[in-house]
Amino acid sequence: MNTDHVITNSLNGKFKCEFCGVEEEPPFMPAPIDVIIDAMDFFIETHKKCKRPPAEAVMSEYIKGFDAGYDYVLNEVKQYIWKYPDDTFALEELLAHLKMEGKPE
């Protein structure tokens, strides 16, 4: 069985299953190498049956993040318009453009 999806995260030293996302630290640090190897072997055994998430699930999470960022930007433009009413014309045009108001699908 392939376990290429189980890695050691070099940023935090944790073991990570890239399929299910679970991370786990070695039992204690600093630890003798045999303790780390045993912990990694146990982690691999535990996660060897994990399946790669479907591409649609990954994309839907990306879309949710993109939509949240887009909503944030639109809200910031609206807040700026409310805070500085004298500068609204260009920002209202920009807001309409970003919302694609009046454009064909």
PDB file of N, CA and C in Angstrom:
ATOM      1  N   MET A   1       0.854  -1.183   0.000  1.00  0.00           N
ATOM      2  CA  MET A   1       0.000   0.000   0.000  1.00  0.00           C
ATOM      3  C   MET A   1       0.895   1.239   0.000  1.00  0.00           C
ATOM      4  N   ASN A   2       0.565   2.199  -0.821  1.00  0.00           N
ATOM      5  CA  ASN A   2       1.334   3.429  -0.951  1.00  0.00           C
ATOM      6  C   ASN A   2       1.018   4.375   0.203  1.00  0.00           C
ATOM      7  N   THR A   3       2.066   4.886   0.837  1.00  0.00           N
ATOM      8  CA  THR A   3       1.861   5.850   1.931  1.00  0.00           C
ATOM      9  C   THR A   3       2.587   7.159   1.645  1.00  0.00           C
ATOM     10  N   ASP A   4       2.708   7.503   0.365  1.00  0.00           N
ATOM     11  CA  ASP A   4       3.353   8.763   0.002  1.00  0.00           C
ATOM     12  C   ASP A   4       2.595   9.970   0.536  1.00  0.00           C
ATOM     13  N   HIS A   5       1.356   9.783   0.934  1.00  0.00           N
ATOM     14  CA  HIS A   5       0.547  10.887   1.436  1.00  0.00           C
ATOM     15  C   HIS A   5       0.821  11.179   2.911  1.00  0.00           C
ATOM     16  N   VAL A   6       1.673  10.376   3.566  1.00  0.00           N
ATOM     17  CA  VAL A   6       2.057  10.623   4.956  1.00  0.00           C
ATOM     18  C   VAL A   6       3.436  11.259   4.936  1.00  0.00           C
ATOM     19  N   ILE A   7       3.528  12.456   5.510  1.00  0.00           N
ATOM     20  CA  ILE A   7       4.775  13.218   5.460  1.00  0.00           C
ATOM     21  C   ILE A   7       5.142  13.708   6.856  1.00  0.00           C
ATOM     22  N   THR A   8       6.345  14.214   6.975  1.00  0.00           N
ATOM     23  CA  THR A   8       6.744  14.949   8.170  1.00  0.00           C
ATOM     24  C   THR A   8       6.788  16.415   7.769  1.00  0.00           C
ATOM     25  N   ASN A   9       5.992  17.222   8.444  1.00  0.00           N
ATOM     26  CA  ASN A   9       5.929  18.647   8.153  1.00  0.00           C
ATOM     27  C   ASN A   9       7.210  19.301   8.665  1.00  0.00           C
ATOM     28  N   SER A  10       8.013  19.820   7.764  1.00  0.00           N
ATOM     29  CA  SER A  10       9.298  20.402   8.165  1.00  0.00           C
ATOM     30  C   SER A  10       9.134  21.723   8.914  1.00  0.00           C
ATOM     31  N   LEU A  11       7.979  22.340   8.838  1.00  0.00           N
ATOM     32  CA  LEU A  11       7.761  23.606   9.540  1.00  0.00           C
ATOM     33  C   LEU A  11       7.506  23.429  11.028  1.00  0.00           C
ATOM     34  N   ASN A  12       6.804  22.339  11.382  1.00  0.00           N
ATOM     35  CA  ASN A  12       6.472  22.161  12.796  1.00  0.00           C
ATOM     36  C   ASN A  12       6.888  20.802  13.354  1.00  0.00           C
ATOM     37  N   GLY A  13       7.503  19.942  12.538  1.00  0.00           N
ATOM     38  CA  GLY A  13       7.987  18.649  13.003  1.00  0.00           C
ATOM     39  C   GLY A  13       6.905  17.609  13.231  1.00  0.00           C
ATOM     40  N   LYS A  14       5.683  17.892  12.833  1.00  0.00           N
ATOM     41  CA  LYS A  14       4.580  16.949  13.034  1.00  0.00           C
ATOM     42  C   LYS A  14       4.460  16.008  11.844  1.00  0.00           C
ATOM     43  N   PHE A  15       3.925  14.815  12.111  1.00  0.00           N
ATOM     44  CA  PHE A  15       3.560  13.894  11.041  1.00  0.00           C
ATOM     45  C   PHE A  15       2.224  14.377  10.497  1.00  0.00           C
ATOM     46  N   LYS A  16       2.027  14.249   9.180  1.00  0.00           N
ATOM     47  CA  LYS A  16       0.778  14.724   8.593  1.00  0.00           C
ATOM     48  C   LYS A  16       0.305  13.768   7.508  1.00  0.00           C
ATOM     49  N   CYS A  17      -0.998  13.467   7.534  1.00  0.00           N
ATOM     50  CA  CYS A  17      -1.644  12.727   6.454  1.00  0.00           C
ATOM     51  C   CYS A  17      -2.233  13.773   5.511  1.00  0.00           C
ATOM     52  N   GLU A  18      -1.728  13.818   4.283  1.00  0.00           N
ATOM     53  CA  GLU A  18      -2.199  14.822   3.338  1.00  0.00           C
ATOM     54  C   GLU A  18      -3.593  14.517   2.804  1.00  0.00           C
ATOM     55  N   PHE A  19      -4.104  13.316   3.032  1.00  0.00           N
ATOM     56  CA  PHE A  19      -5.445  12.980   2.568  1.00  0.00           C
ATOM     57  C   PHE A  19      -6.508  13.414   3.566  1.00  0.00           C
ATOM     58  N   CYS A  20      -6.343  13.066   4.838  1.00  0.00           N
ATOM     59  CA  CYS A  20      -7.371  13.428   5.825  1.00  0.00           C
ATOM     60  C   CYS A  20      -7.024  14.691   6.591  1.00  0.00           C
ATOM     61  N   GLY A  21      -5.763  15.154   6.508  1.00  0.00           N
ATOM     62  CA  GLY A  21      -5.370  16.405   7.139  1.00  0.00           C
ATOM     63  C   GLY A  21      -4.933  16.299   8.591  1.00  0.00           C
ATOM     64  N   VAL A  22      -4.959  15.100   9.162  1.00  0.00           N
ATOM     65  CA  VAL A  22      -4.581  14.933  10.573  1.00  0.00           C
ATOM     66  C   VAL A  22      -3.082  15.137  10.738  1.00  0.00           C
ATOM     67  N   GLU A  23      -2.718  15.878  11.796  1.00  0.00           N
ATOM     68  CA  GLU A  23      -1.323  16.070  12.167  1.00  0.00           C
ATOM     69  C   GLU A  23      -1.120  15.533  13.576  1.00  0.00           C
ATOM     70  N   GLU A  24       0.075  15.008  13.816  1.00  0.00           N
ATOM     71  CA  GLU A  24       0.378  14.455  15.133  1.00  0.00           C
ATOM     72  C   GLU A  24       1.848  14.681  15.438  1.00  0.00           C
ATOM     73  N   GLU A  25       2.124  15.081  16.670  1.00  0.00           N
ATOM     74  CA  GLU A  25       3.504  15.292  17.092  1.00  0.00           C
ATOM     75  C   GLU A  25       4.117  13.990  17.571  1.00  0.00           C
ATOM     76  N   PRO A  26       5.446  13.858  17.447  1.00  0.00           N
ATOM     77  CA  PRO A  26       6.096  12.723  18.097  1.00  0.00           C
ATOM     78  C   PRO A  26       5.798  12.780  19.599  1.00  0.00           C
ATOM     79  N   PRO A  27       5.946  11.652  20.324  1.00  0.00           N
ATOM     80  CA  PRO A  27       5.541  11.611  21.726  1.00  0.00           C
ATOM     81  C   PRO A  27       6.215  12.662  22.612  1.00  0.00           C
ATOM     82  N   PHE A  28       7.459  12.953  22.359  1.00  0.00           N
ATOM     83  CA  PHE A  28       8.163  13.994  23.110  1.00  0.00           C
ATOM     84  C   PHE A  28       9.389  14.399  22.308  1.00  0.00           C
ATOM     85  N   MET A  29       9.843  15.593  22.549  1.00  0.00           N
ATOM     86  CA  MET A  29      11.027  16.082  21.847  1.00  0.00           C
ATOM     87  C   MET A  29      11.944  16.754  22.853  1.00  0.00           C
ATOM     88  N   PRO A  30      13.235  16.632  22.773  1.00  0.00           N
ATOM     89  CA  PRO A  30      13.918  15.783  21.798  1.00  0.00           C
ATOM     90  C   PRO A  30      13.709  14.312  22.151  1.00  0.00           C
ATOM     91  N   ALA A  31      13.661  13.492  21.132  1.00  0.00           N
ATOM     92  CA  ALA A  31      13.431  12.060  21.324  1.00  0.00           C
ATOM     93  C   ALA A  31      14.513  11.279  20.595  1.00  0.00           C
ATOM     94  N   PRO A  32      14.845  10.105  21.114  1.00  0.00           N
ATOM     95  CA  PRO A  32      15.788   9.252  20.380  1.00  0.00           C
ATOM     96  C   PRO A  32      15.187   8.874  19.020  1.00  0.00           C
ATOM     97  N   ILE A  33      16.032   8.653  18.055  1.00  0.00           N
ATOM     98  CA  ILE A  33      15.579   8.391  16.696  1.00  0.00           C
ATOM     99  C   ILE A  33      14.680   7.153  16.631  1.00  0.00           C
ATOM    100  N   ASP A  34      14.945   6.140  17.436  1.00  0.00           N
ATOM    101  CA  ASP A  34      14.105   4.942  17.385  1.00  0.00           C
ATOM    102  C   ASP A  34      12.685   5.231  17.867  1.00  0.00           C
ATOM    103  N   VAL A  35      12.529   6.153  18.807  1.00  0.00           N
ATOM    104  CA  VAL A  35      11.194   6.550  19.278  1.00  0.00           C
ATOM    105  C   VAL A  35      10.451   7.295  18.167  1.00  0.00           C
ATOM    106  N   ILE A  36      11.155   8.174  17.465  1.00  0.00           N
ATOM    107  CA  ILE A  36      10.544   8.926  16.363  1.00  0.00           C
ATOM    108  C   ILE A  36      10.148   7.982  15.234  1.00  0.00           C
ATOM    109  N   ILE A  37      11.011   7.026  14.912  1.00  0.00           N
ATOM    110  CA  ILE A  37      10.711   6.069  13.839  1.00  0.00           C
ATOM    111  C   ILE A  37       9.506   5.215  14.218  1.00  0.00           C
ATOM    112  N   ASP A  38       9.461   4.740  15.473  1.00  0.00           N
ATOM    113  CA  ASP A  38       8.307   3.947  15.918  1.00  0.00           C
ATOM    114  C   ASP A  38       7.015   4.758  15.837  1.00  0.00           C
ATOM    115  N   ALA A  39       7.073   6.036  16.248  1.00  0.00           N
ATOM    116  CA  ALA A  39       5.885   6.896  16.200  1.00  0.00           C
ATOM    117  C   ALA A  39       5.449   7.120  14.756  1.00  0.00           C
ATOM    118  N   MET A  40       6.418   7.325  13.864  1.00  0.00           N
ATOM    119  CA  MET A  40       6.092   7.534  12.451  1.00  0.00           C
ATOM    120  C   MET A  40       5.507   6.258  11.853  1.00  0.00           C
ATOM    121  N   ASP A  41       6.085   5.098  12.181  1.00  0.00           N
ATOM    122  CA  ASP A  41       5.541   3.831  11.677  1.00  0.00           C
ATOM    123  C   ASP A  41       4.100   3.640  12.130  1.00  0.00           C
ATOM    124  N   PHE A  42       3.814   3.963  13.390  1.00  0.00           N
ATOM    125  CA  PHE A  42       2.453   3.841  13.905  1.00  0.00           C
ATOM    126  C   PHE A  42       1.508   4.794  13.168  1.00  0.00           C
ATOM    127  N   PHE A  43       1.963   6.021  12.941  1.00  0.00           N
ATOM    128  CA  PHE A  43       1.145   7.010  12.219  1.00  0.00           C
ATOM    129  C   PHE A  43       0.867   6.532  10.797  1.00  0.00           C
ATOM    130  N   ILE A  44       1.887   6.018  10.122  1.00  0.00           N
ATOM    131  CA  ILE A  44       1.712   5.502   8.757  1.00  0.00           C
ATOM    132  C   ILE A  44       0.702   4.363   8.752  1.00  0.00           C
ATOM    133  N   GLU A  45       0.840   3.443   9.697  1.00  0.00           N
ATOM    134  CA  GLU A  45      -0.083   2.306   9.777  1.00  0.00           C
ATOM    135  C   GLU A  45      -1.514   2.792   9.980  1.00  0.00           C
ATOM    136  N   THR A  46      -1.686   3.790  10.824  1.00  0.00           N
ATOM    137  CA  THR A  46      -3.012   4.340  11.124  1.00  0.00           C
ATOM    138  C   THR A  46      -3.641   5.009   9.904  1.00  0.00           C
ATOM    139  N   HIS A  47      -2.817   5.612   9.043  1.00  0.00           N
ATOM    140  CA  HIS A  47      -3.341   6.411   7.930  1.00  0.00           C
ATOM    141  C   HIS A  47      -3.130   5.771   6.555  1.00  0.00           C
ATOM    142  N   LYS A  48      -2.703   4.509   6.509  1.00  0.00           N
ATOM    143  CA  LYS A  48      -2.436   3.904   5.209  1.00  0.00           C
ATOM    144  C   LYS A  48      -3.697   3.658   4.394  1.00  0.00           C
ATOM    145  N   LYS A  49      -4.858   3.614   5.031  1.00  0.00           N
ATOM    146  CA  LYS A  49      -6.106   3.386   4.303  1.00  0.00           C
ATOM    147  C   LYS A  49      -6.859   4.677   3.978  1.00  0.00           C
ATOM    148  N   CYS A  50      -6.295   5.802   4.352  1.00  0.00           N
ATOM    149  CA  CYS A  50      -6.945   7.079   4.031  1.00  0.00           C
ATOM    150  C   CYS A  50      -7.010   7.241   2.512  1.00  0.00           C
ATOM    151  N   LYS A  51      -8.072   7.825   2.042  1.00  0.00           N
ATOM    152  CA  LYS A  51      -8.281   8.018   0.598  1.00  0.00           C
ATOM    153  C   LYS A  51      -8.119   9.487   0.246  1.00  0.00           C
ATOM    154  N   ARG A  52      -7.644   9.706  -0.959  1.00  0.00           N
ATOM    155  CA  ARG A  52      -7.520  11.073  -1.482  1.00  0.00           C
ATOM    156  C   ARG A  52      -8.919  11.673  -1.589  1.00  0.00           C
ATOM    157  N   PRO A  53      -9.099  12.914  -1.084  1.00  0.00           N
ATOM    158  CA  PRO A  53     -10.424  13.531  -1.217  1.00  0.00           C
ATOM    159  C   PRO A  53     -10.737  13.774  -2.691  1.00  0.00           C
ATOM    160  N   PRO A  54     -12.020  13.676  -3.069  1.00  0.00           N
ATOM    161  CA  PRO A  54     -12.374  13.929  -4.469  1.00  0.00           C
ATOM    162  C   PRO A  54     -12.001  15.350  -4.881  1.00  0.00           C
ATOM    163  N   ALA A  55     -11.640  15.514  -6.128  1.00  0.00           N
ATOM    164  CA  ALA A  55     -11.222  16.825  -6.633  1.00  0.00           C
ATOM    165  C   ALA A  55     -12.320  17.864  -6.443  1.00  0.00           C
ATOM    166  N   GLU A  56     -13.588  17.447  -6.535  1.00  0.00           N
ATOM    167  CA  GLU A  56     -14.693  18.399  -6.371  1.00  0.00           C
ATOM    168  C   GLU A  56     -14.711  18.973  -4.959  1.00  0.00           C
ATOM    169  N   ALA A  57     -14.391  18.160  -3.962  1.00  0.00           N
ATOM    170  CA  ALA A  57     -14.393  18.634  -2.578  1.00  0.00           C
ATOM    171  C   ALA A  57     -13.302  19.679  -2.382  1.00  0.00           C
ATOM    172  N   VAL A  58     -12.137  19.425  -2.950  1.00  0.00           N
ATOM    173  CA  VAL A  58     -11.045  20.377  -2.831  1.00  0.00           C
ATOM    174  C   VAL A  58     -11.419  21.677  -3.536  1.00  0.00           C
ATOM    175  N   MET A  59     -11.987  21.586  -4.736  1.00  0.00           N
ATOM    176  CA  MET A  59     -12.364  22.778  -5.482  1.00  0.00           C
ATOM    177  C   MET A  59     -13.459  23.540  -4.760  1.00  0.00           C
ATOM    178  N   SER A  60     -14.428  22.856  -4.163  1.00  0.00           N
ATOM    179  CA  SER A  60     -15.508  23.567  -3.483  1.00  0.00           C
ATOM    180  C   SER A  60     -14.962  24.341  -2.289  1.00  0.00           C
ATOM    181  N   GLU A  61     -13.961  23.804  -1.601  1.00  0.00           N
ATOM    182  CA  GLU A  61     -13.340  24.538  -0.493  1.00  0.00           C
ATOM    183  C   GLU A  61     -12.616  25.772  -1.035  1.00  0.00           C
ATOM    184  N   TYR A  62     -11.953  25.638  -2.179  1.00  0.00           N
ATOM    185  CA  TYR A  62     -11.282  26.768  -2.803  1.00  0.00           C
ATOM    186  C   TYR A  62     -12.299  27.846  -3.165  1.00  0.00           C
ATOM    187  N   ILE A  63     -13.420  27.437  -3.752  1.00  0.00           N
ATOM    188  CA  ILE A  63     -14.454  28.389  -4.154  1.00  0.00           C
ATOM    189  C   ILE A  63     -15.007  29.118  -2.938  1.00  0.00           C
ATOM    190  N   LYS A  64     -15.237  28.392  -1.838  1.00  0.00           N
ATOM    191  CA  LYS A  64     -15.734  29.033  -0.618  1.00  0.00           C
ATOM    192  C   LYS A  64     -14.756  30.098  -0.143  1.00  0.00           C
ATOM    193  N   GLY A  65     -13.480  29.781  -0.160  1.00  0.00           N
ATOM    194  CA  GLY A  65     -12.464  30.749   0.254  1.00  0.00           C
ATOM    195  C   GLY A  65     -12.413  31.948  -0.674  1.00  0.00           C
ATOM    196  N   PHE A  66     -12.508  31.685  -1.975  1.00  0.00           N
ATOM    197  CA  PHE A  66     -12.499  32.769  -2.950  1.00  0.00           C
ATOM    198  C   PHE A  66     -13.701  33.683  -2.741  1.00  0.00           C
ATOM    199  N   ASP A  67     -14.886  33.075  -2.577  1.00  0.00           N
ATOM    200  CA  ASP A  67     -16.101  33.861  -2.369  1.00  0.00           C
ATOM    201  C   ASP A  67     -16.012  34.702  -1.104  1.00  0.00           C
ATOM    202  N   ALA A  68     -15.444  34.133  -0.042  1.00  0.00           N
ATOM    203  CA  ALA A  68     -15.299  34.891   1.209  1.00  0.00           C
ATOM    204  C   ALA A  68     -14.376  36.089   1.003  1.00  0.00           C
ATOM    205  N   GLY A  69     -13.287  35.885   0.274  1.00  0.00           N
ATOM    206  CA  GLY A  69     -12.369  36.992  -0.003  1.00  0.00           C
ATOM    207  C   GLY A  69     -13.019  38.058  -0.871  1.00  0.00           C
ATOM    208  N   TYR A  70     -13.778  37.627  -1.865  1.00  0.00           N
ATOM    209  CA  TYR A  70     -14.469  38.550  -2.756  1.00  0.00           C
ATOM    210  C   TYR A  70     -15.496  39.373  -1.980  1.00  0.00           C
ATOM    211  N   ASP A  71     -16.259  38.706  -1.101  1.00  0.00           N
ATOM    212  CA  ASP A  71     -17.236  39.415  -0.265  1.00  0.00           C
ATOM    213  C   ASP A  71     -16.545  40.425   0.639  1.00  0.00           C
ATOM    214  N   TYR A  72     -15.380  40.063   1.156  1.00  0.00           N
ATOM    215  CA  TYR A  72     -14.628  40.976   2.016  1.00  0.00           C
ATOM    216  C   TYR A  72     -14.238  42.243   1.256  1.00  0.00           C
ATOM    217  N   VAL A  73     -13.714  42.076   0.053  1.00  0.00           N
ATOM    218  CA  VAL A  73     -13.300  43.232  -0.745  1.00  0.00           C
ATOM    219  C   VAL A  73     -14.502  44.126  -1.059  1.00  0.00           C
ATOM    220  N   LEU A  74     -15.618  43.532  -1.476  1.00  0.00           N
ATOM    221  CA  LEU A  74     -16.811  44.336  -1.771  1.00  0.00           C
ATOM    222  C   LEU A  74     -17.273  45.092  -0.525  1.00  0.00           C
ATOM    223  N   ASN A  75     -17.227  44.436   0.625  1.00  0.00           N
ATOM    224  CA  ASN A  75     -17.628  45.094   1.863  1.00  0.00           C
ATOM    225  C   ASN A  75     -16.696  46.256   2.197  1.00  0.00           C
ATOM    226  N   GLU A  76     -15.402  46.086   1.973  1.00  0.00           N
ATOM    227  CA  GLU A  76     -14.451  47.171   2.242  1.00  0.00           C
ATOM    228  C   GLU A  76     -14.731  48.374   1.344  1.00  0.00           C
ATOM    229  N   VAL A  77     -15.051  48.145   0.085  1.00  0.00           N
ATOM    230  CA  VAL A  77     -15.378  49.250  -0.821  1.00  0.00           C
ATOM    231  C   VAL A  77     -16.636  49.959  -0.333  1.00  0.00           C
ATOM    232  N   LYS A  78     -17.651  49.177   0.080  1.00  0.00           N
ATOM    233  CA  LYS A  78     -18.892  49.778   0.601  1.00  0.00           C
ATOM    234  C   LYS A  78     -18.616  50.609   1.849  1.00  0.00           C
ATOM    235  N   GLN A  79     -17.775  50.097   2.735  1.00  0.00           N
ATOM    236  CA  GLN A  79     -17.443  50.837   3.964  1.00  0.00           C
ATOM    237  C   GLN A  79     -16.717  52.141   3.633  1.00  0.00           C
ATOM    238  N   TYR A  80     -15.828  52.101   2.653  1.00  0.00           N
ATOM    239  CA  TYR A  80     -15.109  53.299   2.255  1.00  0.00           C
ATOM    240  C   TYR A  80     -16.076  54.334   1.678  1.00  0.00           C
ATOM    241  N   ILE A  81     -17.022  53.887   0.855  1.00  0.00           N
ATOM    242  CA  ILE A  81     -18.025  54.795   0.291  1.00  0.00           C
ATOM    243  C   ILE A  81     -18.820  55.449   1.412  1.00  0.00           C
ATOM    244  N   TRP A  82     -19.207  54.672   2.404  1.00  0.00           N
ATOM    245  CA  TRP A  82     -19.986  55.203   3.526  1.00  0.00           C
ATOM    246  C   TRP A  82     -19.152  56.187   4.344  1.00  0.00           C
ATOM    247  N   LYS A  83     -17.862  55.884   4.542  1.00  0.00           N
ATOM    248  CA  LYS A  83     -16.996  56.710   5.385  1.00  0.00           C
ATOM    249  C   LYS A  83     -16.581  58.006   4.687  1.00  0.00           C
ATOM    250  N   TYR A  84     -16.382  57.964   3.383  1.00  0.00           N
ATOM    251  CA  TYR A  84     -15.926  59.133   2.624  1.00  0.00           C
ATOM    252  C   TYR A  84     -16.916  59.428   1.501  1.00  0.00           C
ATOM    253  N   PRO A  85     -18.050  60.008   1.809  1.00  0.00           N
ATOM    254  CA  PRO A  85     -19.093  60.210   0.796  1.00  0.00           C
ATOM    255  C   PRO A  85     -18.684  61.150  -0.341  1.00  0.00           C
ATOM    256  N   ASP A  86     -17.687  62.005  -0.140  1.00  0.00           N
ATOM    257  CA  ASP A  86     -17.271  62.923  -1.202  1.00  0.00           C
ATOM    258  C   ASP A  86     -16.514  62.218  -2.327  1.00  0.00           C
ATOM    259  N   ASP A  87     -15.983  61.042  -2.066  1.00  0.00           N
ATOM    260  CA  ASP A  87     -15.200  60.299  -3.057  1.00  0.00           C
ATOM    261  C   ASP A  87     -15.976  59.135  -3.655  1.00  0.00           C
ATOM    262  N   THR A  88     -17.281  59.197  -3.647  1.00  0.00           N
ATOM    263  CA  THR A  88     -18.071  58.011  -3.971  1.00  0.00           C
ATOM    264  C   THR A  88     -18.188  57.676  -5.447  1.00  0.00           C
ATOM    265  N   PHE A  89     -18.128  58.649  -6.352  1.00  0.00           N
ATOM    266  CA  PHE A  89     -18.442  58.365  -7.751  1.00  0.00           C
ATOM    267  C   PHE A  89     -17.577  57.249  -8.326  1.00  0.00           C
ATOM    268  N   ALA A  90     -16.257  57.377  -8.234  1.00  0.00           N
ATOM    269  CA  ALA A  90     -15.355  56.374  -8.803  1.00  0.00           C
ATOM    270  C   ALA A  90     -15.524  55.031  -8.106  1.00  0.00           C
ATOM    271  N   LEU A  91     -15.721  55.068  -6.798  1.00  0.00           N
ATOM    272  CA  LEU A  91     -15.876  53.818  -6.068  1.00  0.00           C
ATOM    273  C   LEU A  91     -17.202  53.133  -6.368  1.00  0.00           C
ATOM    274  N   GLU A  92     -18.251  53.930  -6.582  1.00  0.00           N
ATOM    275  CA  GLU A  92     -19.532  53.326  -6.955  1.00  0.00           C
ATOM    276  C   GLU A  92     -19.426  52.661  -8.319  1.00  0.00           C
ATOM    277  N   GLU A  93     -18.683  53.293  -9.235  1.00  0.00           N
ATOM    278  CA  GLU A  93     -18.447  52.698 -10.550  1.00  0.00           C
ATOM    279  C   GLU A  93     -17.652  51.393 -10.403  1.00  0.00           C
ATOM    280  N   LEU A  94     -16.621  51.446  -9.566  1.00  0.00           N
ATOM    281  CA  LEU A  94     -15.814  50.253  -9.326  1.00  0.00           C
ATOM    282  C   LEU A  94     -16.658  49.149  -8.698  1.00  0.00           C
ATOM    283  N   LEU A  95     -17.472  49.490  -7.731  1.00  0.00           N
ATOM    284  CA  LEU A  95     -18.324  48.510  -7.069  1.00  0.00           C
ATOM    285  C   LEU A  95     -19.300  47.872  -8.065  1.00  0.00           C
ATOM    286  N   ALA A  96     -19.904  48.679  -8.898  1.00  0.00           N
ATOM    287  CA  ALA A  96     -20.821  48.150  -9.911  1.00  0.00           C
ATOM    288  C   ALA A  96     -20.077  47.223 -10.874  1.00  0.00           C
ATOM    289  N   HIS A  97     -18.863  47.624 -11.241  1.00  0.00           N
ATOM    290  CA  HIS A  97     -18.058  46.802 -12.144  1.00  0.00           C
ATOM    291  C   HIS A  97     -17.715  45.457 -11.483  1.00  0.00           C
ATOM    292  N   LEU A  98     -17.287  45.486 -10.216  1.00  0.00           N
ATOM    293  CA  LEU A  98     -16.914  44.263  -9.519  1.00  0.00           C
ATOM    294  C   LEU A  98     -18.105  43.336  -9.309  1.00  0.00           C
ATOM    295  N   LYS A  99     -19.266  43.926  -9.094  1.00  0.00           N
ATOM    296  CA  LYS A  99     -20.476  43.121  -8.920  1.00  0.00           C
ATOM    297  C   LYS A  99     -21.042  42.675 -10.262  1.00  0.00           C
ATOM    298  N   MET A 100     -20.450  43.196 -11.346  1.00  0.00           N
ATOM    299  CA  MET A 100     -20.874  42.891 -12.719  1.00  0.00           C
ATOM    300  C   MET A 100     -22.329  43.289 -12.949  1.00  0.00           C
ATOM    301  N   GLU A 101     -22.726  44.400 -12.363  1.00  0.00           N
ATOM    302  CA  GLU A 101     -24.090  44.889 -12.548  1.00  0.00           C
ATOM    303  C   GLU A 101     -24.272  45.346 -13.980  1.00  0.00           C
ATOM    304  N   GLY A 102     -25.369  44.952 -14.568  1.00  0.00           N
ATOM    305  CA  GLY A 102     -25.701  45.377 -15.923  1.00  0.00           C
ATOM    306  C   GLY A 102     -24.907  44.651 -17.008  1.00  0.00           C
ATOM    307  N   LYS A 103     -24.199  43.575 -16.646  1.00  0.00           N
ATOM    308  CA  LYS A 103     -23.445  42.830 -17.648  1.00  0.00           C
ATOM    309  C   LYS A 103     -24.162  41.523 -17.947  1.00  0.00           C
ATOM    310  N   PRO A 104     -24.069  41.072 -19.185  1.00  0.00           N
ATOM    311  CA  PRO A 104     -24.701  39.781 -19.513  1.00  0.00           C
ATOM    312  C   PRO A 104     -23.976  38.647 -18.792  1.00  0.00           C
ATOM    313  N   GLU A 105     -24.702  37.585 -18.528  1.00  0.00           N
ATOM    314  CA  GLU A 105     -24.105  36.418 -17.853  1.00  0.00           C
ATOM    315  C   GLU A 105     -23.033  35.889 -18.736  1.00  0.00           C
TER     316      GLU A 105
END
